[in-house]
Amino acid sequence: MSANHYLPAARYVAQVIPDLLAERGLKPFISRLVLTETERGAVWLFVVLEIRPLGNLEDYTSADILHYLSTALRGLPVVICNSYGLRYAVRLHAPN
């Protein structure tokens, strides 16, 4: 299945994540979004954040904020990647 099939879901997530973070007092700058599909068919949206001038990394990476985002996104799994800057990875589809 093509990741393009998940563009509406990706747009929704991209639209609401800044508002959800703002509700928690955070002011993210999203530098880019990356929608991708793995070889096994999982579809992920990576939300790349720039936070250095905006706050502490811990404010964006706590288990509480990840749970809050996942719950607000109707249970979609949200994890962080922090190897080359901060990214939220939101799984839009898991293969059967």
PDB file of N, CA and C in Angstrom:
ATOM      1  N   MET A   1       0.838  -1.174   0.000  1.00  0.00           N
ATOM      2  CA  MET A   1       0.000   0.000   0.000  1.00  0.00           C
ATOM      3  C   MET A   1       0.883   1.238   0.000  1.00  0.00           C
ATOM      4  N   SER A   2       0.488   2.247  -0.715  1.00  0.00           N
ATOM      5  CA  SER A   2       1.253   3.480  -0.808  1.00  0.00           C
ATOM      6  C   SER A   2       0.997   4.378   0.393  1.00  0.00           C
ATOM      7  N   ALA A   3       2.050   5.015   0.867  1.00  0.00           N
ATOM      8  CA  ALA A   3       1.919   5.959   1.974  1.00  0.00           C
ATOM      9  C   ALA A   3       1.005   7.121   1.597  1.00  0.00           C
ATOM     10  N   ASN A   4       0.880   7.399   0.302  1.00  0.00           N
ATOM     11  CA  ASN A   4       0.004   8.489  -0.146  1.00  0.00           C
ATOM     12  C   ASN A   4      -1.439   8.271   0.295  1.00  0.00           C
ATOM     13  N   HIS A   5      -1.832   7.027   0.476  1.00  0.00           N
ATOM     14  CA  HIS A   5      -3.172   6.713   0.947  1.00  0.00           C
ATOM     15  C   HIS A   5      -3.419   7.335   2.328  1.00  0.00           C
ATOM     16  N   TYR A   6      -2.361   7.573   3.078  1.00  0.00           N
ATOM     17  CA  TYR A   6      -2.457   8.098   4.436  1.00  0.00           C
ATOM     18  C   TYR A   6      -2.240   9.607   4.518  1.00  0.00           C
ATOM     19  N   LEU A   7      -2.224  10.284   3.377  1.00  0.00           N
ATOM     20  CA  LEU A   7      -2.044  11.739   3.381  1.00  0.00           C
ATOM     21  C   LEU A   7      -3.106  12.470   4.210  1.00  0.00           C
ATOM     22  N   PRO A   8      -4.391  12.105   4.114  1.00  0.00           N
ATOM     23  CA  PRO A   8      -5.372  12.804   4.961  1.00  0.00           C
ATOM     24  C   PRO A   8      -5.069  12.662   6.457  1.00  0.00           C
ATOM     25  N   ALA A   9      -4.698  11.473   6.894  1.00  0.00           N
ATOM     26  CA  ALA A   9      -4.354  11.268   8.306  1.00  0.00           C
ATOM     27  C   ALA A   9      -3.102  12.056   8.669  1.00  0.00           C
ATOM     28  N   ALA A  10      -2.126  12.072   7.769  1.00  0.00           N
ATOM     29  CA  ALA A  10      -0.893  12.820   8.017  1.00  0.00           C
ATOM     30  C   ALA A  10      -1.183  14.316   8.123  1.00  0.00           C
ATOM     31  N   ARG A  11      -2.049  14.815   7.258  1.00  0.00           N
ATOM     32  CA  ARG A  11      -2.418  16.240   7.324  1.00  0.00           C
ATOM     33  C   ARG A  11      -3.102  16.566   8.648  1.00  0.00           C
ATOM     34  N   TYR A  12      -3.983  15.682   9.077  1.00  0.00           N
ATOM     35  CA  TYR A  12      -4.673  15.892  10.351  1.00  0.00           C
ATOM     36  C   TYR A  12      -3.667  15.965  11.501  1.00  0.00           C
ATOM     37  N   VAL A  13      -2.778  14.997  11.568  1.00  0.00           N
ATOM     38  CA  VAL A  13      -1.774  14.977  12.640  1.00  0.00           C
ATOM     39  C   VAL A  13      -0.917  16.238  12.582  1.00  0.00           C
ATOM     40  N   ALA A  14      -0.468  16.605  11.387  1.00  0.00           N
ATOM     41  CA  ALA A  14       0.383  17.788  11.228  1.00  0.00           C
ATOM     42  C   ALA A  14      -0.347  19.055  11.669  1.00  0.00           C
ATOM     43  N   GLN A  15      -1.637  19.083  11.468  1.00  0.00           N
ATOM     44  CA  GLN A  15      -2.429  20.258  11.816  1.00  0.00           C
ATOM     45  C   GLN A  15      -2.664  20.368  13.325  1.00  0.00           C
ATOM     46  N   VAL A  16      -2.884  19.244  14.000  1.00  0.00           N
ATOM     47  CA  VAL A  16      -3.264  19.317  15.413  1.00  0.00           C
ATOM     48  C   VAL A  16      -2.091  19.265  16.390  1.00  0.00           C
ATOM     49  N   ILE A  17      -0.959  18.721  15.986  1.00  0.00           N
ATOM     50  CA  ILE A  17       0.161  18.610  16.937  1.00  0.00           C
ATOM     51  C   ILE A  17       0.586  19.975  17.486  1.00  0.00           C
ATOM     52  N   PRO A  18       0.731  21.020  16.675  1.00  0.00           N
ATOM     53  CA  PRO A  18       1.110  22.317  17.270  1.00  0.00           C
ATOM     54  C   PRO A  18       0.097  22.807  18.306  1.00  0.00           C
ATOM     55  N   ASP A  19      -1.193  22.617  18.030  1.00  0.00           N
ATOM     56  CA  ASP A  19      -2.227  23.043  18.979  1.00  0.00           C
ATOM     57  C   ASP A  19      -2.180  22.217  20.262  1.00  0.00           C
ATOM     58  N   LEU A  20      -1.959  20.915  20.124  1.00  0.00           N
ATOM     59  CA  LEU A  20      -1.883  20.053  21.303  1.00  0.00           C
ATOM     60  C   LEU A  20      -0.700  20.444  22.189  1.00  0.00           C
ATOM     61  N   LEU A  21       0.434  20.727  21.559  1.00  0.00           N
ATOM     62  CA  LEU A  21       1.603  21.139  22.341  1.00  0.00           C
ATOM     63  C   LEU A  21       1.369  22.501  22.983  1.00  0.00           C
ATOM     64  N   ALA A  22       0.708  23.399  22.257  1.00  0.00           N
ATOM     65  CA  ALA A  22       0.406  24.726  22.808  1.00  0.00           C
ATOM     66  C   ALA A  22      -0.500  24.612  24.033  1.00  0.00           C
ATOM     67  N   GLU A  23      -1.425  23.651  24.013  1.00  0.00           N
ATOM     68  CA  GLU A  23      -2.295  23.426  25.176  1.00  0.00           C
ATOM     69  C   GLU A  23      -1.490  23.064  26.416  1.00  0.00           C
ATOM     70  N   ARG A  24      -0.309  22.528  26.213  1.00  0.00           N
ATOM     71  CA  ARG A  24       0.578  22.164  27.320  1.00  0.00           C
ATOM     72  C   ARG A  24       1.630  23.246  27.593  1.00  0.00           C
ATOM     73  N   GLY A  25       1.459  24.412  26.982  1.00  0.00           N
ATOM     74  CA  GLY A  25       2.376  25.524  27.220  1.00  0.00           C
ATOM     75  C   GLY A  25       3.648  25.473  26.409  1.00  0.00           C
ATOM     76  N   LEU A  26       3.691  24.615  25.401  1.00  0.00           N
ATOM     77  CA  LEU A  26       4.874  24.475  24.560  1.00  0.00           C
ATOM     78  C   LEU A  26       4.658  25.213  23.244  1.00  0.00           C
ATOM     79  N   LYS A  27       5.740  25.743  22.701  1.00  0.00           N
ATOM     80  CA  LYS A  27       5.656  26.515  21.462  1.00  0.00           C
ATOM     81  C   LYS A  27       6.626  25.933  20.436  1.00  0.00           C
ATOM     82  N   PRO A  28       6.223  24.862  19.783  1.00  0.00           N
ATOM     83  CA  PRO A  28       7.148  24.202  18.856  1.00  0.00           C
ATOM     84  C   PRO A  28       7.270  24.946  17.533  1.00  0.00           C
ATOM     85  N   PHE A  29       8.409  24.794  16.921  1.00  0.00           N
ATOM     86  CA  PHE A  29       8.584  25.205  15.534  1.00  0.00           C
ATOM     87  C   PHE A  29       8.795  23.905  14.752  1.00  0.00           C
ATOM     88  N   ILE A  30       7.842  23.575  13.900  1.00  0.00           N
ATOM     89  CA  ILE A  30       7.951  22.362  13.090  1.00  0.00           C
ATOM     90  C   ILE A  30       8.667  22.731  11.805  1.00  0.00           C
ATOM     91  N   SER A  31       9.863  22.173  11.629  1.00  0.00           N
ATOM     92  CA  SER A  31      10.661  22.530  10.458  1.00  0.00           C
ATOM     93  C   SER A  31      10.293  21.724   9.223  1.00  0.00           C
ATOM     94  N   ARG A  32       9.800  20.505   9.427  1.00  0.00           N
ATOM     95  CA  ARG A  32       9.344  19.713   8.277  1.00  0.00           C
ATOM     96  C   ARG A  32       8.585  18.484   8.752  1.00  0.00           C
ATOM     97  N   LEU A  33       7.891  17.884   7.789  1.00  0.00           N
ATOM     98  CA  LEU A  33       7.130  16.656   8.015  1.00  0.00           C
ATOM     99  C   LEU A  33       7.586  15.638   6.987  1.00  0.00           C
ATOM    100  N   VAL A  34       7.723  14.391   7.399  1.00  0.00           N
ATOM    101  CA  VAL A  34       8.154  13.327   6.496  1.00  0.00           C
ATOM    102  C   VAL A  34       7.195  12.158   6.647  1.00  0.00           C
ATOM    103  N   LEU A  35       6.525  11.808   5.566  1.00  0.00           N
ATOM    104  CA  LEU A  35       5.627  10.647   5.542  1.00  0.00           C
ATOM    105  C   LEU A  35       6.357   9.530   4.818  1.00  0.00           C
ATOM    106  N   THR A  36       6.440   8.367   5.449  1.00  0.00           N
ATOM    107  CA  THR A  36       7.183   7.268   4.856  1.00  0.00           C
ATOM    108  C   THR A  36       6.512   5.934   5.160  1.00  0.00           C
ATOM    109  N   GLU A  37       6.858   4.949   4.354  1.00  0.00           N
ATOM    110  CA  GLU A  37       6.355   3.590   4.542  1.00  0.00           C
ATOM    111  C   GLU A  37       7.540   2.643   4.611  1.00  0.00           C
ATOM    112  N   THR A  38       7.511   1.720   5.570  1.00  0.00           N
ATOM    113  CA  THR A  38       8.592   0.748   5.699  1.00  0.00           C
ATOM    114  C   THR A  38       8.392  -0.390   4.704  1.00  0.00           C
ATOM    115  N   GLU A  39       9.412  -1.216   4.560  1.00  0.00           N
ATOM    116  CA  GLU A  39       9.321  -2.375   3.668  1.00  0.00           C
ATOM    117  C   GLU A  39       8.198  -3.316   4.078  1.00  0.00           C
ATOM    118  N   ARG A  40       7.899  -3.369   5.363  1.00  0.00           N
ATOM    119  CA  ARG A  40       6.847  -4.267   5.860  1.00  0.00           C
ATOM    120  C   ARG A  40       5.459  -3.633   5.842  1.00  0.00           C
ATOM    121  N   GLY A  41       5.363  -2.366   5.404  1.00  0.00           N
ATOM    122  CA  GLY A  41       4.064  -1.736   5.239  1.00  0.00           C
ATOM    123  C   GLY A  41       3.607  -0.813   6.348  1.00  0.00           C
ATOM    124  N   ALA A  42       4.428  -0.586   7.360  1.00  0.00           N
ATOM    125  CA  ALA A  42       4.062   0.393   8.391  1.00  0.00           C
ATOM    126  C   ALA A  42       4.213   1.790   7.801  1.00  0.00           C
ATOM    127  N   VAL A  43       3.281   2.667   8.145  1.00  0.00           N
ATOM    128  CA  VAL A  43       3.319   4.046   7.656  1.00  0.00           C
ATOM    129  C   VAL A  43       3.554   4.966   8.845  1.00  0.00           C
ATOM    130  N   TRP A  44       4.578   5.816   8.731  1.00  0.00           N
ATOM    131  CA  TRP A  44       4.977   6.724   9.804  1.00  0.00           C
ATOM    132  C   TRP A  44       4.993   8.159   9.297  1.00  0.00           C
ATOM    133  N   LEU A  45       4.588   9.070  10.172  1.00  0.00           N
ATOM    134  CA  LEU A  45       4.767  10.495   9.928  1.00  0.00           C
ATOM    135  C   LEU A  45       5.782  10.987  10.943  1.00  0.00           C
ATOM    136  N   PHE A  46       6.865  11.574  10.447  1.00  0.00           N
ATOM    137  CA  PHE A  46       7.883  12.171  11.310  1.00  0.00           C
ATOM    138  C   PHE A  46       7.647  13.671  11.349  1.00  0.00           C
ATOM    139  N   VAL A  47       7.498  14.203  12.556  1.00  0.00           N
ATOM    140  CA  VAL A  47       7.289  15.629  12.776  1.00  0.00           C
ATOM    141  C   VAL A  47       8.597  16.158  13.350  1.00  0.00           C
ATOM    142  N   VAL A  48       9.338  16.917  12.540  1.00  0.00           N
ATOM    143  CA  VAL A  48      10.664  17.395  12.921  1.00  0.00           C
ATOM    144  C   VAL A  48      10.520  18.745  13.612  1.00  0.00           C
ATOM    145  N   LEU A  49      11.014  18.812  14.854  1.00  0.00           N
ATOM    146  CA  LEU A  49      10.883  20.020  15.669  1.00  0.00           C
ATOM    147  C   LEU A  49      12.227  20.708  15.859  1.00  0.00           C
ATOM    148  N   GLU A  50      12.172  22.011  15.915  1.00  0.00           N
ATOM    149  CA  GLU A  50      13.314  22.826  16.333  1.00  0.00           C
ATOM    150  C   GLU A  50      12.899  23.442  17.661  1.00  0.00           C
ATOM    151  N   ILE A  51      13.615  23.142  18.751  1.00  0.00           N
ATOM    152  CA  ILE A  51      13.172  23.637  20.055  1.00  0.00           C
ATOM    153  C   ILE A  51      14.226  24.429  20.814  1.00  0.00           C
ATOM    154  N   ARG A  52      15.436  24.492  20.339  1.00  0.00           N
ATOM    155  CA  ARG A  52      16.499  25.147  21.105  1.00  0.00           C
ATOM    156  C   ARG A  52      16.107  26.528  21.638  1.00  0.00           C
ATOM    157  N   PRO A  53      15.632  27.424  20.810  1.00  0.00           N
ATOM    158  CA  PRO A  53      15.278  28.730  21.386  1.00  0.00           C
ATOM    159  C   PRO A  53      13.949  28.717  22.128  1.00  0.00           C
ATOM    160  N   LEU A  54      13.231  27.603  22.071  1.00  0.00           N
ATOM    161  CA  LEU A  54      11.869  27.584  22.576  1.00  0.00           C
ATOM    162  C   LEU A  54      11.708  26.951  23.943  1.00  0.00           C
ATOM    163  N   GLY A  55      12.633  26.135  24.364  1.00  0.00           N
ATOM    164  CA  GLY A  55      12.436  25.493  25.659  1.00  0.00           C
ATOM    165  C   GLY A  55      13.362  24.319  25.876  1.00  0.00           C
ATOM    166  N   ASN A  56      13.091  23.602  26.945  1.00  0.00           N
ATOM    167  CA  ASN A  56      13.887  22.441  27.319  1.00  0.00           C
ATOM    168  C   ASN A  56      13.442  21.210  26.546  1.00  0.00           C
ATOM    169  N   LEU A  57      14.395  20.417  26.137  1.00  0.00           N
ATOM    170  CA  LEU A  57      14.115  19.168  25.437  1.00  0.00           C
ATOM    171  C   LEU A  57      13.196  18.271  26.263  1.00  0.00           C
ATOM    172  N   GLU A  58      13.413  18.224  27.559  1.00  0.00           N
ATOM    173  CA  GLU A  58      12.625  17.351  28.430  1.00  0.00           C
ATOM    174  C   GLU A  58      11.138  17.698  28.396  1.00  0.00           C
ATOM    175  N   ASP A  59      10.813  18.963  28.161  1.00  0.00           N
ATOM    176  CA  ASP A  59       9.399  19.360  28.102  1.00  0.00           C
ATOM    177  C   ASP A  59       8.684  18.692  26.930  1.00  0.00           C
ATOM    178  N   TYR A  60       9.415  18.378  25.881  1.00  0.00           N
ATOM    179  CA  TYR A  60       8.848  17.796  24.666  1.00  0.00           C
ATOM    180  C   TYR A  60       8.958  16.280  24.617  1.00  0.00           C
ATOM    181  N   THR A  61       9.757  15.700  25.524  1.00  0.00           N
ATOM    182  CA  THR A  61      10.043  14.265  25.421  1.00  0.00           C
ATOM    183  C   THR A  61       9.538  13.440  26.603  1.00  0.00           C
ATOM    184  N   SER A  62       8.860  14.055  27.528  1.00  0.00           N
ATOM    185  CA  SER A  62       8.412  13.316  28.714  1.00  0.00           C
ATOM    186  C   SER A  62       7.379  12.257  28.326  1.00  0.00           C
ATOM    187  N   ALA A  63       7.317  11.219  29.130  1.00  0.00           N
ATOM    188  CA  ALA A  63       6.320  10.169  28.906  1.00  0.00           C
ATOM    189  C   ALA A  63       4.911  10.749  28.964  1.00  0.00           C
ATOM    190  N   ASP A  64       4.718  11.748  29.808  1.00  0.00           N
ATOM    191  CA  ASP A  64       3.412  12.391  29.941  1.00  0.00           C
ATOM    192  C   ASP A  64       2.980  13.063  28.636  1.00  0.00           C
ATOM    193  N   ILE A  65       3.881  13.784  27.996  1.00  0.00           N
ATOM    194  CA  ILE A  65       3.516  14.480  26.753  1.00  0.00           C
ATOM    195  C   ILE A  65       3.289  13.482  25.625  1.00  0.00           C
ATOM    196  N   LEU A  66       4.073  12.411  25.578  1.00  0.00           N
ATOM    197  CA  LEU A  66       3.865  11.393  24.546  1.00  0.00           C
ATOM    198  C   LEU A  66       2.516  10.706  24.734  1.00  0.00           C
ATOM    199  N   HIS A  67       2.160  10.409  25.971  1.00  0.00           N
ATOM    200  CA  HIS A  67       0.855   9.803  26.253  1.00  0.00           C
ATOM    201  C   HIS A  67      -0.271  10.778  25.875  1.00  0.00           C
ATOM    202  N   TYR A  68      -0.106  12.040  26.219  1.00  0.00           N
ATOM    203  CA  TYR A  68      -1.095  13.064  25.897  1.00  0.00           C
ATOM    204  C   TYR A  68      -1.316  13.151  24.384  1.00  0.00           C
ATOM    205  N   LEU A  69      -0.223  13.188  23.620  1.00  0.00           N
ATOM    206  CA  LEU A  69      -0.338  13.261  22.157  1.00  0.00           C
ATOM    207  C   LEU A  69      -1.028  12.027  21.599  1.00  0.00           C
ATOM    208  N   SER A  70      -0.620  10.860  22.059  1.00  0.00           N
ATOM    209  CA  SER A  70      -1.211   9.615  21.570  1.00  0.00           C
ATOM    210  C   SER A  70      -2.706   9.561  21.872  1.00  0.00           C
ATOM    211  N   THR A  71      -3.076   9.942  23.079  1.00  0.00           N
ATOM    212  CA  THR A  71      -4.493   9.934  23.449  1.00  0.00           C
ATOM    213  C   THR A  71      -5.278  10.916  22.590  1.00  0.00           C
ATOM    214  N   ALA A  72      -4.751  12.113  22.404  1.00  0.00           N
ATOM    215  CA  ALA A  72      -5.435  13.128  21.602  1.00  0.00           C
ATOM    216  C   ALA A  72      -5.530  12.727  20.134  1.00  0.00           C
ATOM    217  N   LEU A  73      -4.591  11.901  19.686  1.00  0.00           N
ATOM    218  CA  LEU A  73      -4.596  11.427  18.299  1.00  0.00           C
ATOM    219  C   LEU A  73      -5.324  10.092  18.181  1.00  0.00           C
ATOM    220  N   ARG A  74      -6.262   9.857  19.063  1.00  0.00           N
ATOM    221  CA  ARG A  74      -7.130   8.672  19.039  1.00  0.00           C
ATOM    222  C   ARG A  74      -6.348   7.365  19.131  1.00  0.00           C
ATOM    223  N   GLY A  75      -5.302   7.366  19.948  1.00  0.00           N
ATOM    224  CA  GLY A  75      -4.561   6.142  20.208  1.00  0.00           C
ATOM    225  C   GLY A  75      -3.430   5.832  19.254  1.00  0.00           C
ATOM    226  N   LEU A  76      -3.158   6.724  18.297  1.00  0.00           N
ATOM    227  CA  LEU A  76      -2.015   6.470  17.412  1.00  0.00           C
ATOM    228  C   LEU A  76      -0.734   6.462  18.243  1.00  0.00           C
ATOM    229  N   PRO A  77       0.136   5.494  18.030  1.00  0.00           N
ATOM    230  CA  PRO A  77       1.395   5.464  18.772  1.00  0.00           C
ATOM    231  C   PRO A  77       2.270   6.674  18.414  1.00  0.00           C
ATOM    232  N   VAL A  78       2.824   7.305  19.436  1.00  0.00           N
ATOM    233  CA  VAL A  78       3.733   8.444  19.254  1.00  0.00           C
ATOM    234  C   VAL A  78       5.003   8.132  20.030  1.00  0.00           C
ATOM    235  N   VAL A  79       6.131   8.152  19.339  1.00  0.00           N
ATOM    236  CA  VAL A  79       7.433   7.931  19.970  1.00  0.00           C
ATOM    237  C   VAL A  79       8.348   9.072  19.552  1.00  0.00           C
ATOM    238  N   ILE A  80       9.475   9.187  20.227  1.00  0.00           N
ATOM    239  CA  ILE A  80      10.416  10.231  19.865  1.00  0.00           C
ATOM    240  C   ILE A  80      11.670   9.635  19.245  1.00  0.00           C
ATOM    241  N   CYS A  81      12.272  10.412  18.386  1.00  0.00           N
ATOM    242  CA  CYS A  81      13.589  10.128  17.823  1.00  0.00           C
ATOM    243  C   CYS A  81      14.428  11.352  18.153  1.00  0.00           C
ATOM    244  N   ASN A  82      15.589  11.141  18.714  1.00  0.00           N
ATOM    245  CA  ASN A  82      16.402  12.279  19.111  1.00  0.00           C
ATOM    246  C   ASN A  82      17.860  12.092  18.733  1.00  0.00           C
ATOM    247  N   SER A  83      18.114  11.358  17.665  1.00  0.00           N
ATOM    248  CA  SER A  83      19.501  11.121  17.279  1.00  0.00           C
ATOM    249  C   SER A  83      20.097  12.292  16.505  1.00  0.00           C
ATOM    250  N   TYR A  84      19.332  12.911  15.649  1.00  0.00           N
ATOM    251  CA  TYR A  84      19.774  14.069  14.867  1.00  0.00           C
ATOM    252  C   TYR A  84      18.738  15.174  14.975  1.00  0.00           C
ATOM    253  N   GLY A  85      18.450  15.617  16.164  1.00  0.00           N
ATOM    254  CA  GLY A  85      17.389  16.575  16.396  1.00  0.00           C
ATOM    255  C   GLY A  85      16.143  15.850  16.853  1.00  0.00           C
ATOM    256  N   LEU A  86      15.186  16.613  17.338  1.00  0.00           N
ATOM    257  CA  LEU A  86      13.987  16.009  17.903  1.00  0.00           C
ATOM    258  C   LEU A  86      12.931  15.792  16.844  1.00  0.00           C
ATOM    259  N   ARG A  87      12.384  14.559  16.838  1.00  0.00           N
ATOM    260  CA  ARG A  87      11.278  14.221  15.953  1.00  0.00           C
ATOM    261  C   ARG A  87      10.270  13.405  16.728  1.00  0.00           C
ATOM    262  N   TYR A  88       9.002  13.717  16.474  1.00  0.00           N
ATOM    263  CA  TYR A  88       7.951  12.812  16.908  1.00  0.00           C
ATOM    264  C   TYR A  88       7.685  11.881  15.740  1.00  0.00           C
ATOM    265  N   ALA A  89       7.588  10.600  16.016  1.00  0.00           N
ATOM    266  CA  ALA A  89       7.222   9.617  15.004  1.00  0.00           C
ATOM    267  C   ALA A  89       5.831   9.115  15.367  1.00  0.00           C
ATOM    268  N   VAL A  90       4.885   9.315  14.446  1.00  0.00           N
ATOM    269  CA  VAL A  90       3.502   8.925  14.675  1.00  0.00           C
ATOM    270  C   VAL A  90       3.185   7.798  13.691  1.00  0.00           C
ATOM    271  N   ARG A  91       2.847   6.627  14.215  1.00  0.00           N
ATOM    272  CA  ARG A  91       2.533   5.507  13.330  1.00  0.00           C
ATOM    273  C   ARG A  91       1.074   5.613  12.895  1.00  0.00           C
ATOM    274  N   LEU A  92       0.892   5.801  11.591  1.00  0.00           N
ATOM    275  CA  LEU A  92      -0.439   5.952  11.022  1.00  0.00           C
ATOM    276  C   LEU A  92      -1.050   4.623  10.621  1.00  0.00           C
ATOM    277  N   HIS A  93      -0.183   3.621  10.371  1.00  0.00           N
ATOM    278  CA  HIS A  93      -0.673   2.308   9.952  1.00  0.00           C
ATOM    279  C   HIS A  93       0.339   1.246  10.334  1.00  0.00           C
ATOM    280  N   ALA A  94      -0.163   0.143  10.867  1.00  0.00           N
ATOM    281  CA  ALA A  94       0.676  -1.011  11.161  1.00  0.00           C
ATOM    282  C   ALA A  94       0.206  -2.169  10.292  1.00  0.00           C
ATOM    283  N   PRO A  95       1.133  -2.891   9.658  1.00  0.00           N
ATOM    284  CA  PRO A  95       0.718  -4.027   8.830  1.00  0.00           C
ATOM    285  C   PRO A  95       0.124  -5.130   9.702  1.00  0.00           C
ATOM    286  N   ASN A  96      -0.723  -5.919   9.104  1.00  0.00           N
ATOM    287  CA  ASN A  96      -1.351  -7.041   9.829  1.00  0.00           C
ATOM    288  C   ASN A  96      -0.395  -8.169  10.026  1.00  0.00           C
TER     289      ASN A  96
END
